[in-house]
PDB file of N, CA and C in Angstrom:
ATOM      1  N   MET A   1     -24.621  80.032  36.811  1.00  0.00           N
ATOM      2  CA  MET A   1     -26.167  80.520  36.665  1.00  0.00           C
ATOM      3  C   MET A   1     -26.150  82.189  35.834  1.00  0.00           C
ATOM      4  N   ILE A   2     -27.057  82.027  35.376  1.00  0.00           N
ATOM      5  CA  ILE A   2     -27.929  83.282  34.672  1.00  0.00           C
ATOM      6  C   ILE A   2     -28.802  83.896  35.132  1.00  0.00           C
ATOM      7  N   PHE A   3     -28.605  85.616  35.542  1.00  0.00           N
ATOM      8  CA  PHE A   3     -29.700  86.558  35.908  1.00  0.00           C
ATOM      9  C   PHE A   3     -29.866  87.762  35.018  1.00  0.00           C
ATOM     10  N   THR A   4     -30.965  87.893  35.232  1.00  0.00           N
ATOM     11  CA  THR A   4     -31.120  89.005  34.078  1.00  0.00           C
ATOM     12  C   THR A   4     -32.397  89.665  34.577  1.00  0.00           C
ATOM     13  N   THR A   5     -31.810  91.040  34.432  1.00  0.00           N
ATOM     14  CA  THR A   5     -33.065  91.725  35.038  1.00  0.00           C
ATOM     15  C   THR A   5     -33.308  93.386  34.329  1.00  0.00           C
ATOM     16  N   ASN A   6     -34.832  93.886  33.874  1.00  0.00           N
ATOM     17  CA  ASN A   6     -34.554  95.092  33.294  1.00  0.00           C
ATOM     18  C   ASN A   6     -34.914  96.327  34.299  1.00  0.00           C
ATOM     19  N   ILE A   7     -34.648  95.627  35.395  1.00  0.00           N
ATOM     20  CA  ILE A   7     -34.697  96.642  36.783  1.00  0.00           C
ATOM     21  C   ILE A   7     -33.435  97.433  36.637  1.00  0.00           C
ATOM     22  N   LYS A   8     -33.547  99.269  36.699  1.00  0.00           N
ATOM     23  CA  LYS A   8     -32.334  99.784  36.576  1.00  0.00           C
ATOM     24  C   LYS A   8     -31.967  99.829  38.316  1.00  0.00           C
ATOM     25  N   PRO A   9     -30.469  99.284  38.021  1.00  0.00           N
ATOM     26  CA  PRO A   9     -29.883  99.528  39.819  1.00  0.00           C
ATOM     27  C   PRO A   9     -29.959 100.899  39.776  1.00  0.00           C
ATOM     28  N   VAL A  10     -29.883 101.152  41.044  1.00  0.00           N
ATOM     29  CA  VAL A  10     -28.796 102.733  41.759  1.00  0.00           C
ATOM     30  C   VAL A  10     -27.837 102.828  41.974  1.00  0.00           C
ATOM     31  N   SER A  11     -26.847 103.775  41.602  1.00  0.00           N
ATOM     32  CA  SER A  11     -25.859 103.824  41.605  1.00  0.00           C
ATOM     33  C   SER A  11     -25.103 103.657  43.035  1.00  0.00           C
ATOM     34  N   GLU A  12     -24.156 103.220  43.111  1.00  0.00           N
ATOM     35  CA  GLU A  12     -23.596 102.966  44.380  1.00  0.00           C
ATOM     36  C   GLU A  12     -23.556 104.723  44.817  1.00  0.00           C
ATOM     37  N   ASN A  13     -23.241 105.582  43.413  1.00  0.00           N
ATOM     38  CA  ASN A  13     -22.590 106.843  44.644  1.00  0.00           C
ATOM     39  C   ASN A  13     -24.397 107.278  44.990  1.00  0.00           C
ATOM     40  N   ARG A  14     -25.333 107.190  45.082  1.00  0.00           N
ATOM     41  CA  ARG A  14     -26.352 107.613  45.292  1.00  0.00           C
ATOM     42  C   ARG A  14     -27.134 106.259  46.561  1.00  0.00           C
ATOM     43  N   ARG A  15     -25.824 105.870  46.740  1.00  0.00           N
ATOM     44  CA  ARG A  15     -26.999 104.512  47.548  1.00  0.00           C
ATOM     45  C   ARG A  15     -26.785 105.422  49.070  1.00  0.00           C
ATOM     46  N   LEU A  16     -26.199 106.360  50.263  1.00  0.00           N
ATOM     47  CA  LEU A  16     -26.555 107.289  51.181  1.00  0.00           C
ATOM     48  C   LEU A  16     -26.645 107.864  50.402  1.00  0.00           C
ATOM     49  N   ILE A  17     -27.717 108.647  52.002  1.00  0.00           N
ATOM     50  CA  ILE A  17     -28.436 109.765  52.452  1.00  0.00           C
ATOM     51  C   ILE A  17     -28.183 110.408  53.765  1.00  0.00           C
ATOM     52  N   PRO A  18     -27.887 111.822  53.838  1.00  0.00           N
ATOM     53  CA  PRO A  18     -27.658 111.741  55.181  1.00  0.00           C
ATOM     54  C   PRO A  18     -29.562 111.981  55.776  1.00  0.00           C
ATOM     55  N   ALA A  19     -28.525 111.739  56.910  1.00  0.00           N
ATOM     56  CA  ALA A  19     -30.170 111.621  58.325  1.00  0.00           C
ATOM     57  C   ALA A  19     -29.251 112.456  58.868  1.00  0.00           C
ATOM     58  N   LYS A  20     -30.620 113.134  60.321  1.00  0.00           N
ATOM     59  CA  LYS A  20     -29.892 113.637  61.320  1.00  0.00           C
ATOM     60  C   LYS A  20     -28.651 113.616  61.681  1.00  0.00           C
ATOM     61  N   THR A  21     -27.506 112.865  62.338  1.00  0.00           N
ATOM     62  CA  THR A  21     -26.841 112.534  62.714  1.00  0.00           C
ATOM     63  C   THR A  21     -25.866 111.371  61.953  1.00  0.00           C
ATOM     64  N   ARG A  22     -26.784 110.423  60.775  1.00  0.00           N
ATOM     65  CA  ARG A  22     -25.675 109.510  60.271  1.00  0.00           C
ATOM     66  C   ARG A  22     -26.531 109.744  58.812  1.00  0.00           C
ATOM     67  N   LEU A  23     -25.413 108.460  57.808  1.00  0.00           N
ATOM     68  CA  LEU A  23     -26.399 108.334  56.570  1.00  0.00           C
ATOM     69  C   LEU A  23     -26.811 106.801  56.798  1.00  0.00           C
ATOM     70  N   VAL A  24     -27.991 107.674  55.888  1.00  0.00           N
ATOM     71  CA  VAL A  24     -28.603 105.721  55.594  1.00  0.00           C
ATOM     72  C   VAL A  24     -29.129 106.061  54.472  1.00  0.00           C
ATOM     73  N   ALA A  25     -29.521 104.203  54.234  1.00  0.00           N
ATOM     74  CA  ALA A  25     -29.640 104.262  52.470  1.00  0.00           C
ATOM     75  C   ALA A  25     -30.592 105.191  52.557  1.00  0.00           C
ATOM     76  N   SER A  26     -30.629 105.052  50.872  1.00  0.00           N
ATOM     77  CA  SER A  26     -31.727 106.298  50.155  1.00  0.00           C
ATOM     78  C   SER A  26     -32.992 105.015  49.549  1.00  0.00           C
ATOM     79  N   THR A  27     -34.292 105.196  50.176  1.00  0.00           N
ATOM     80  CA  THR A  27     -35.266 105.008  49.701  1.00  0.00           C
ATOM     81  C   THR A  27     -35.381 104.408  48.542  1.00  0.00           C
ATOM     82  N   GLU A  28     -34.572 104.629  47.202  1.00  0.00           N
ATOM     83  CA  GLU A  28     -34.743 104.765  45.626  1.00  0.00           C
ATOM     84  C   GLU A  28     -33.702 103.494  45.980  1.00  0.00           C
ATOM     85  N   TYR A  29     -32.643 103.550  46.390  1.00  0.00           N
ATOM     86  CA  TYR A  29     -31.646 102.092  46.662  1.00  0.00           C
ATOM     87  C   TYR A  29     -32.253 101.244  47.102  1.00  0.00           C
ATOM     88  N   ARG A  30     -32.613 100.997  48.731  1.00  0.00           N
ATOM     89  CA  ARG A  30     -33.475 100.188  49.074  1.00  0.00           C
ATOM     90  C   ARG A  30     -34.703  99.615  48.503  1.00  0.00           C
ATOM     91  N   LYS A  31     -35.264 100.435  47.684  1.00  0.00           N
ATOM     92  CA  LYS A  31     -36.348  99.785  46.814  1.00  0.00           C
ATOM     93  C   LYS A  31     -36.178  98.944  45.468  1.00  0.00           C
ATOM     94  N   ALA A  32     -34.814  99.834  44.571  1.00  0.00           N
ATOM     95  CA  ALA A  32     -34.268  99.198  43.299  1.00  0.00           C
ATOM     96  C   ALA A  32     -33.738  97.346  44.146  1.00  0.00           C
ATOM     97  N   LYS A  33     -32.855  97.519  45.237  1.00  0.00           N
ATOM     98  CA  LYS A  33     -32.462  96.586  45.705  1.00  0.00           C
ATOM     99  C   LYS A  33     -33.219  95.433  46.122  1.00  0.00           C
ATOM    100  N   GLU A  34     -34.520  95.856  46.944  1.00  0.00           N
ATOM    101  CA  GLU A  34     -35.330  94.632  47.147  1.00  0.00           C
ATOM    102  C   GLU A  34     -35.895  93.903  45.863  1.00  0.00           C
ATOM    103  N   ALA A  35     -36.466  94.952  44.847  1.00  0.00           N
ATOM    104  CA  ALA A  35     -37.141  94.052  43.724  1.00  0.00           C
ATOM    105  C   ALA A  35     -35.739  93.404  42.416  1.00  0.00           C
ATOM    106  N   ILE A  36     -34.771  93.728  42.381  1.00  0.00           N
ATOM    107  CA  ILE A  36     -33.825  93.124  41.962  1.00  0.00           C
ATOM    108  C   ILE A  36     -33.572  91.680  42.177  1.00  0.00           C
ATOM    109  N   ARG A  37     -33.266  91.637  44.137  1.00  0.00           N
ATOM    110  CA  ARG A  37     -33.191  90.702  44.718  1.00  0.00           C
ATOM    111  C   ARG A  37     -33.977  89.636  44.299  1.00  0.00           C
ATOM    112  N   GLN A  38     -35.368  90.368  44.381  1.00  0.00           N
ATOM    113  CA  GLN A  38     -36.690  89.351  44.989  1.00  0.00           C
ATOM    114  C   GLN A  38     -36.455  88.704  43.039  1.00  0.00           C
ATOM    115  N   GLU A  39     -36.221  89.236  41.839  1.00  0.00           N
ATOM    116  CA  GLU A  39     -36.233  88.857  40.230  1.00  0.00           C
ATOM    117  C   GLU A  39     -35.313  87.635  40.446  1.00  0.00           C
ATOM    118  N   PHE A  40     -34.356  88.371  40.800  1.00  0.00           N
ATOM    119  CA  PHE A  40     -33.123  86.712  40.719  1.00  0.00           C
ATOM    120  C   PHE A  40     -33.411  85.704  41.954  1.00  0.00           C
ATOM    121  N   SER A  41     -33.945  85.832  42.766  1.00  0.00           N
ATOM    122  CA  SER A  41     -34.351  84.642  44.020  1.00  0.00           C
ATOM    123  C   SER A  41     -35.741  83.980  42.877  1.00  0.00           C
ATOM    124  N   LEU A  42     -36.075  84.551  42.255  1.00  0.00           N
ATOM    125  CA  LEU A  42     -36.815  84.142  41.173  1.00  0.00           C
ATOM    126  C   LEU A  42     -36.498  82.740  39.839  1.00  0.00           C
ATOM    127  N   GLN A  43     -35.352  83.382  39.464  1.00  0.00           N
ATOM    128  CA  GLN A  43     -34.766  82.930  38.411  1.00  0.00           C
ATOM    129  C   GLN A  43     -33.279  82.014  39.215  1.00  0.00           C
ATOM    130  N   HIS A  44     -33.132  81.349  39.971  1.00  0.00           N
ATOM    131  CA  HIS A  44     -32.537  80.410  40.539  1.00  0.00           C
ATOM    132  C   HIS A  44     -33.120  80.105  42.122  1.00  0.00           C
ATOM    133  N   THR A  45     -33.657  78.841  41.946  1.00  0.00           N
ATOM    134  CA  THR A  45     -33.886  78.165  43.036  1.00  0.00           C
ATOM    135  C   THR A  45     -33.112  76.927  44.106  1.00  0.00           C
ATOM    136  N   GLY A  46     -32.128  76.904  43.161  1.00  0.00           N
ATOM    137  CA  GLY A  46     -31.188  76.053  43.465  1.00  0.00           C
ATOM    138  C   GLY A  46     -30.370  76.676  44.825  1.00  0.00           C
ATOM    139  N   ALA A  47     -29.082  75.825  45.351  1.00  0.00           N
ATOM    140  CA  ALA A  47     -28.713  76.007  46.640  1.00  0.00           C
ATOM    141  C   ALA A  47     -27.465  77.411  46.270  1.00  0.00           C
ATOM    142  N   PRO A  48     -27.352  78.187  47.011  1.00  0.00           N
ATOM    143  CA  PRO A  48     -25.694  78.847  47.034  1.00  0.00           C
ATOM    144  C   PRO A  48     -24.752  78.443  46.894  1.00  0.00           C
ATOM    145  N   SER A  49     -24.074  78.677  45.734  1.00  0.00           N
ATOM    146  CA  SER A  49     -22.533  78.084  45.487  1.00  0.00           C
ATOM    147  C   SER A  49     -21.280  78.331  46.731  1.00  0.00           C
ATOM    148  N   GLU A  50     -20.821  77.818  47.146  1.00  0.00           N
ATOM    149  CA  GLU A  50     -19.954  77.954  48.331  1.00  0.00           C
ATOM    150  C   GLU A  50     -18.393  77.703  48.379  1.00  0.00           C
ATOM    151  N   GLY A  51     -17.984  78.003  46.839  1.00  0.00           N
ATOM    152  CA  GLY A  51     -16.390  78.027  46.628  1.00  0.00           C
ATOM    153  C   GLY A  51     -16.556  79.269  46.163  1.00  0.00           C
ATOM    154  N   PRO A  52     -15.077  79.558  45.801  1.00  0.00           N
ATOM    155  CA  PRO A  52     -15.083  81.015  44.529  1.00  0.00           C
ATOM    156  C   PRO A  52     -16.045  80.750  43.314  1.00  0.00           C
ATOM    157  N   VAL A  53     -15.850  82.295  42.803  1.00  0.00           N
ATOM    158  CA  VAL A  53     -16.876  82.124  41.902  1.00  0.00           C
ATOM    159  C   VAL A  53     -16.330  83.342  41.378  1.00  0.00           C
ATOM    160  N   GLU A  54     -16.863  83.398  39.514  1.00  0.00           N
ATOM    161  CA  GLU A  54     -15.837  84.392  39.009  1.00  0.00           C
ATOM    162  C   GLU A  54     -17.535  85.254  38.537  1.00  0.00           C
ATOM    163  N   VAL A  55     -17.660  86.365  37.983  1.00  0.00           N
ATOM    164  CA  VAL A  55     -18.739  87.136  37.891  1.00  0.00           C
ATOM    165  C   VAL A  55     -18.906  87.805  36.749  1.00  0.00           C
ATOM    166  N   LEU A  56     -19.717  87.626  35.695  1.00  0.00           N
ATOM    167  CA  LEU A  56     -19.511  88.613  34.608  1.00  0.00           C
ATOM    168  C   LEU A  56     -20.484  89.154  34.314  1.00  0.00           C
ATOM    169  N   ILE A  57     -20.543  90.752  34.093  1.00  0.00           N
ATOM    170  CA  ILE A  57     -21.718  91.499  33.979  1.00  0.00           C
ATOM    171  C   ILE A  57     -21.956  92.040  32.552  1.00  0.00           C
ATOM    172  N   THR A  58     -23.075  92.357  32.299  1.00  0.00           N
ATOM    173  CA  THR A  58     -23.099  93.190  30.959  1.00  0.00           C
ATOM    174  C   THR A  58     -24.719  93.741  31.041  1.00  0.00           C
ATOM    175  N   CYS A  59     -24.146  95.052  31.262  1.00  0.00           N
ATOM    176  CA  CYS A  59     -25.423  96.353  31.617  1.00  0.00           C
ATOM    177  C   CYS A  59     -25.844  97.288  30.094  1.00  0.00           C
ATOM    178  N   ARG A  60     -26.762  97.648  30.301  1.00  0.00           N
ATOM    179  CA  ARG A  60     -27.014  98.583  29.195  1.00  0.00           C
ATOM    180  C   ARG A  60     -26.897  99.938  29.927  1.00  0.00           C
ATOM    181  N   PRO A  61     -25.922 100.503  30.568  1.00  0.00           N
ATOM    182  CA  PRO A  61     -26.276 101.953  30.802  1.00  0.00           C
ATOM    183  C   PRO A  61     -26.781 103.100  30.929  1.00  0.00           C
ATOM    184  N   GLY A  62     -26.945 103.059  29.864  1.00  0.00           N
ATOM    185  CA  GLY A  62     -27.039 104.437  29.055  1.00  0.00           C
ATOM    186  C   GLY A  62     -26.402 105.614  29.645  1.00  0.00           C
ATOM    187  N   ARG A  63     -26.373 106.762  29.888  1.00  0.00           N
ATOM    188  CA  ARG A  63     -25.427 107.297  30.320  1.00  0.00           C
ATOM    189  C   ARG A  63     -24.708 107.340  31.717  1.00  0.00           C
ATOM    190  N   SER A  64     -25.180 106.247  32.177  1.00  0.00           N
ATOM    191  CA  SER A  64     -24.754 106.123  33.544  1.00  0.00           C
ATOM    192  C   SER A  64     -23.002 105.331  33.774  1.00  0.00           C
ATOM    193  N   ASP A  65     -22.284 105.486  34.723  1.00  0.00           N
ATOM    194  CA  ASP A  65     -21.245 105.009  34.771  1.00  0.00           C
ATOM    195  C   ASP A  65     -21.079 103.736  34.438  1.00  0.00           C
ATOM    196  N   LEU A  66     -20.590 102.911  33.785  1.00  0.00           N
ATOM    197  CA  LEU A  66     -20.523 101.872  34.060  1.00  0.00           C
ATOM    198  C   LEU A  66     -20.228 100.643  35.242  1.00  0.00           C
ATOM    199  N   THR A  67     -19.339 101.154  35.969  1.00  0.00           N
ATOM    200  CA  THR A  67     -18.944 100.804  37.509  1.00  0.00           C
ATOM    201  C   THR A  67     -19.952 100.821  38.582  1.00  0.00           C
ATOM    202  N   ALA A  68     -21.327 101.885  38.304  1.00  0.00           N
ATOM    203  CA  ALA A  68     -21.256 102.730  39.616  1.00  0.00           C
ATOM    204  C   ALA A  68     -22.686 101.482  39.798  1.00  0.00           C
ATOM    205  N   TRP A  69     -23.058  99.868  39.066  1.00  0.00           N
ATOM    206  CA  TRP A  69     -23.879  99.088  39.584  1.00  0.00           C
ATOM    207  C   TRP A  69     -23.310  98.087  39.541  1.00  0.00           C
ATOM    208  N   ASN A  70     -21.970  97.724  39.656  1.00  0.00           N
ATOM    209  CA  ASN A  70     -21.531  96.647  40.734  1.00  0.00           C
ATOM    210  C   ASN A  70     -22.304  96.160  42.315  1.00  0.00           C
ATOM    211  N   LYS A  71     -21.656  97.042  42.582  1.00  0.00           N
ATOM    212  CA  LYS A  71     -21.559  96.451  43.930  1.00  0.00           C
ATOM    213  C   LYS A  71     -23.393  96.395  44.669  1.00  0.00           C
ATOM    214  N   MET A  72     -24.429  96.946  43.614  1.00  0.00           N
ATOM    215  CA  MET A  72     -25.551  96.600  44.166  1.00  0.00           C
ATOM    216  C   MET A  72     -26.086  95.190  43.842  1.00  0.00           C
ATOM    217  N   LEU A  73     -25.698  94.961  42.506  1.00  0.00           N
ATOM    218  CA  LEU A  73     -25.855  93.970  41.654  1.00  0.00           C
ATOM    219  C   LEU A  73     -25.202  92.881  42.333  1.00  0.00           C
ATOM    220  N   CYS A  74     -23.933  92.458  42.738  1.00  0.00           N
ATOM    221  CA  CYS A  74     -23.385  91.621  43.478  1.00  0.00           C
ATOM    222  C   CYS A  74     -23.931  91.427  45.281  1.00  0.00           C
ATOM    223  N   ASP A  75     -24.146  92.772  45.514  1.00  0.00           N
ATOM    224  CA  ASP A  75     -25.089  92.486  46.705  1.00  0.00           C
ATOM    225  C   ASP A  75     -26.306  91.555  47.051  1.00  0.00           C
ATOM    226  N   CYS A  76     -27.124  91.767  45.911  1.00  0.00           N
ATOM    227  CA  CYS A  76     -28.601  91.452  45.171  1.00  0.00           C
ATOM    228  C   CYS A  76     -28.355  90.169  45.183  1.00  0.00           C
ATOM    229  N   LEU A  77     -27.180  89.475  44.594  1.00  0.00           N
ATOM    230  CA  LEU A  77     -26.919  87.917  45.159  1.00  0.00           C
ATOM    231  C   LEU A  77     -26.441  87.394  45.833  1.00  0.00           C
ATOM    232  N   ASN A  78     -26.357  87.977  46.969  1.00  0.00           N
ATOM    233  CA  ASN A  78     -26.312  87.238  47.869  1.00  0.00           C
ATOM    234  C   ASN A  78     -26.818  86.402  48.714  1.00  0.00           C
ATOM    235  N   GLY A  79     -26.553  85.407  48.912  1.00  0.00           N
ATOM    236  CA  GLY A  79     -27.261  84.057  49.682  1.00  0.00           C
ATOM    237  C   GLY A  79     -28.554  83.573  48.726  1.00  0.00           C
ATOM    238  N   ILE A  80     -28.292  84.098  47.389  1.00  0.00           N
ATOM    239  CA  ILE A  80     -28.626  83.527  45.989  1.00  0.00           C
ATOM    240  C   ILE A  80     -27.908  82.763  44.819  1.00  0.00           C
ATOM    241  N   ALA A  81     -27.003  83.393  44.463  1.00  0.00           N
ATOM    242  CA  ALA A  81     -25.935  83.004  43.580  1.00  0.00           C
ATOM    243  C   ALA A  81     -24.551  81.890  44.487  1.00  0.00           C
ATOM    244  N   TYR A  82     -24.700  83.015  45.475  1.00  0.00           N
ATOM    245  CA  TYR A  82     -23.037  82.693  46.641  1.00  0.00           C
ATOM    246  C   TYR A  82     -24.038  83.106  47.968  1.00  0.00           C
ATOM    247  N   LEU A  83     -22.725  82.222  48.990  1.00  0.00           N
ATOM    248  CA  LEU A  83     -23.208  82.942  49.975  1.00  0.00           C
ATOM    249  C   LEU A  83     -23.000  84.303  50.558  1.00  0.00           C
ATOM    250  N   ASP A  84     -22.009  84.555  50.183  1.00  0.00           N
ATOM    251  CA  ASP A  84     -21.542  85.626  50.296  1.00  0.00           C
ATOM    252  C   ASP A  84     -20.612  86.246  48.925  1.00  0.00           C
ATOM    253  N   ASP A  85     -20.607  87.477  48.927  1.00  0.00           N
ATOM    254  CA  ASP A  85     -19.748  88.389  48.251  1.00  0.00           C
ATOM    255  C   ASP A  85     -18.611  88.066  47.988  1.00  0.00           C
ATOM    256  N   LYS A  86     -17.722  88.014  49.215  1.00  0.00           N
ATOM    257  CA  LYS A  86     -16.567  87.771  49.284  1.00  0.00           C
ATOM    258  C   LYS A  86     -16.010  86.348  49.040  1.00  0.00           C
ATOM    259  N   GLN A  87     -17.027  85.495  47.811  1.00  0.00           N
ATOM    260  CA  GLN A  87     -16.594  84.719  47.362  1.00  0.00           C
ATOM    261  C   GLN A  87     -16.068  84.569  46.190  1.00  0.00           C
ATOM    262  N   ILE A  88     -16.615  86.016  45.437  1.00  0.00           N
ATOM    263  CA  ILE A  88     -16.003  86.318  44.426  1.00  0.00           C
ATOM    264  C   ILE A  88     -14.355  86.804  44.117  1.00  0.00           C
ATOM    265  N   GLU A  89     -14.374  85.884  43.383  1.00  0.00           N
ATOM    266  CA  GLU A  89     -12.557  85.811  42.508  1.00  0.00           C
ATOM    267  C   GLU A  89     -11.919  86.516  41.670  1.00  0.00           C
ATOM    268  N   SER A  90     -13.101  86.405  40.622  1.00  0.00           N
ATOM    269  CA  SER A  90     -12.888  87.579  39.420  1.00  0.00           C
ATOM    270  C   SER A  90     -14.244  88.153  38.961  1.00  0.00           C
ATOM    271  N   ILE A  91     -13.926  89.330  38.910  1.00  0.00           N
ATOM    272  CA  ILE A  91     -15.364  90.140  37.919  1.00  0.00           C
ATOM    273  C   ILE A  91     -15.292  91.024  36.796  1.00  0.00           C
ATOM    274  N   THR A  92     -16.141  90.990  36.010  1.00  0.00           N
ATOM    275  CA  THR A  92     -15.655  91.798  34.338  1.00  0.00           C
ATOM    276  C   THR A  92     -17.343  92.153  34.346  1.00  0.00           C
ATOM    277  N   VAL A  93     -16.966  93.594  34.035  1.00  0.00           N
ATOM    278  CA  VAL A  93     -17.889  94.463  33.647  1.00  0.00           C
ATOM    279  C   VAL A  93     -18.199  94.698  32.248  1.00  0.00           C
ATOM    280  N   GLU A  94     -19.138  94.518  31.481  1.00  0.00           N
ATOM    281  CA  GLU A  94     -19.113  95.098  30.184  1.00  0.00           C
ATOM    282  C   GLU A  94     -20.060  96.092  29.805  1.00  0.00           C
ATOM    283  N   LYS A  95     -19.953  96.544  28.692  1.00  0.00           N
ATOM    284  CA  LYS A  95     -21.354  97.536  28.478  1.00  0.00           C
ATOM    285  C   LYS A  95     -21.712  97.228  26.816  1.00  0.00           C
ATOM    286  N   THR A  96     -23.214  97.088  26.926  1.00  0.00           N
ATOM    287  CA  THR A  96     -23.986  96.741  25.799  1.00  0.00           C
ATOM    288  C   THR A  96     -24.386  97.749  24.800  1.00  0.00           C
ATOM    289  N   ARG A  97     -24.520  98.091  23.927  1.00  0.00           N
ATOM    290  CA  ARG A  97     -25.993  98.929  23.073  1.00  0.00           C
ATOM    291  C   ARG A  97     -26.993  98.813  22.495  1.00  0.00           C
ATOM    292  N   ASP A  98     -26.814  97.070  22.527  1.00  0.00           N
ATOM    293  CA  ASP A  98     -27.891  96.518  21.931  1.00  0.00           C
ATOM    294  C   ASP A  98     -29.387  96.268  23.010  1.00  0.00           C
ATOM    295  N   LYS A  99     -30.210  97.204  22.538  1.00  0.00           N
ATOM    296  CA  LYS A  99     -31.617  97.524  22.669  1.00  0.00           C
ATOM    297  C   LYS A  99     -32.513  96.165  22.787  1.00  0.00           C
ATOM    298  N   ALA A 100     -32.213  95.031  22.256  1.00  0.00           N
ATOM    299  CA  ALA A 100     -32.657  93.736  22.444  1.00  0.00           C
ATOM    300  C   ALA A 100     -32.269  92.923  23.489  1.00  0.00           C
ATOM    301  N   CYS A 101     -31.408  93.344  24.724  1.00  0.00           N
ATOM    302  CA  CYS A 101     -30.287  92.964  25.531  1.00  0.00           C
ATOM    303  C   CYS A 101     -31.435  93.200  26.678  1.00  0.00           C
ATOM    304  N   PRO A 102     -31.599  92.335  27.772  1.00  0.00           N
ATOM    305  CA  PRO A 102     -32.059  92.655  29.068  1.00  0.00           C
ATOM    306  C   PRO A 102     -30.557  94.219  29.961  1.00  0.00           C
ATOM    307  N   LEU A 103     -31.828  94.784  30.396  1.00  0.00           N
ATOM    308  CA  LEU A 103     -30.643  95.711  31.108  1.00  0.00           C
ATOM    309  C   LEU A 103     -29.342  95.418  31.588  1.00  0.00           C
ATOM    310  N   VAL A 104     -29.744  94.378  32.413  1.00  0.00           N
ATOM    311  CA  VAL A 104     -28.820  94.015  33.399  1.00  0.00           C
ATOM    312  C   VAL A 104     -28.709  92.520  33.215  1.00  0.00           C
ATOM    313  N   THR A 105     -27.716  92.004  32.837  1.00  0.00           N
ATOM    314  CA  THR A 105     -27.696  89.923  32.843  1.00  0.00           C
ATOM    315  C   THR A 105     -26.375  89.891  33.704  1.00  0.00           C
ATOM    316  N   VAL A 106     -26.410  88.631  34.651  1.00  0.00           N
ATOM    317  CA  VAL A 106     -25.038  88.677  35.458  1.00  0.00           C
ATOM    318  C   VAL A 106     -25.214  87.224  35.056  1.00  0.00           C
ATOM    319  N   VAL A 107     -23.385  86.559  34.962  1.00  0.00           N
ATOM    320  CA  VAL A 107     -23.352  85.367  35.218  1.00  0.00           C
ATOM    321  C   VAL A 107     -22.606  85.313  35.973  1.00  0.00           C
ATOM    322  N   VAL A 108     -22.934  83.856  36.645  1.00  0.00           N
ATOM    323  CA  VAL A 108     -22.266  83.712  37.984  1.00  0.00           C
ATOM    324  C   VAL A 108     -21.484  82.375  37.596  1.00  0.00           C
ATOM    325  N   GLU A 109     -20.595  81.762  37.666  1.00  0.00           N
ATOM    326  CA  GLU A 109     -19.738  80.343  37.605  1.00  0.00           C
ATOM    327  C   GLU A 109     -18.801  79.978  38.697  1.00  0.00           C
ATOM    328  N   GLU A 110     -18.308  78.598  38.587  1.00  0.00           N
ATOM    329  CA  GLU A 110     -17.549  78.495  39.489  1.00  0.00           C
ATOM    330  C   GLU A 110     -15.893  78.918  39.044  1.00  0.00           C
ATOM    331  N   TYR A 111     -15.528  79.552  39.733  1.00  0.00           N
ATOM    332  CA  TYR A 111     -14.095  80.002  39.498  1.00  0.00           C
ATOM    333  C   TYR A 111     -13.110  78.823  39.315  1.00  0.00           C
ATOM    334  N   HIS A 112     -12.152  78.991  37.911  1.00  0.00           N
ATOM    335  CA  HIS A 112     -11.089  78.312  37.862  1.00  0.00           C
ATOM    336  C   HIS A 112      -9.544  79.236  37.356  1.00  0.00           C
ATOM    337  N   GLU A 113      -8.920  78.749  38.660  1.00  0.00           N
ATOM    338  CA  GLU A 113      -7.785  79.977  38.361  1.00  0.00           C
ATOM    339  C   GLU A 113      -7.145  79.750  36.643  1.00  0.00           C
ATOM    340  N   SER A 114      -6.452  80.660  36.077  1.00  0.00           N
ATOM    341  CA  SER A 114      -5.821  81.145  35.324  1.00  0.00           C
ATOM    342  C   SER A 114      -4.590  79.976  34.991  1.00  0.00           C
ATOM    343  N   ARG A 115      -4.223  79.429  34.813  1.00  0.00           N
ATOM    344  CA  ARG A 115      -2.831  78.799  34.736  1.00  0.00           C
ATOM    345  C   ARG A 115      -2.135  79.409  33.119  1.00  0.00           C
ATOM    346  N   GLU A 116      -1.082  79.883  33.675  1.00  0.00           N
ATOM    347  CA  GLU A 116      -0.121  80.391  31.932  1.00  0.00           C
ATOM    348  C   GLU A 116       0.919  79.703  32.153  1.00  0.00           C
TER     349      GLU A 116
END
């Protein structure tokens, strides 16, 4: 399964903001997560995978931290590509500078354990 989006994920570092007595998800984080989730759900109408999966994320983060988007992107695919992100056995994150590529591409495949 291949998912793409040009919506910029919000860094995990900016996910929570202080409220009166606790931390809450920022409006920016909630809106971006909802938009990406909706876009991903339109790209895959089949049933979510029930077994272990591996994930390849390719992104053009610009000056953002390469690893700061992982959690949000994996959470957005819960119930769409897989039932829960705890099914992820392997994750690879790559940076691209090719402006012709989408901002984010996520490939989710069935996990096959490497045999050496």
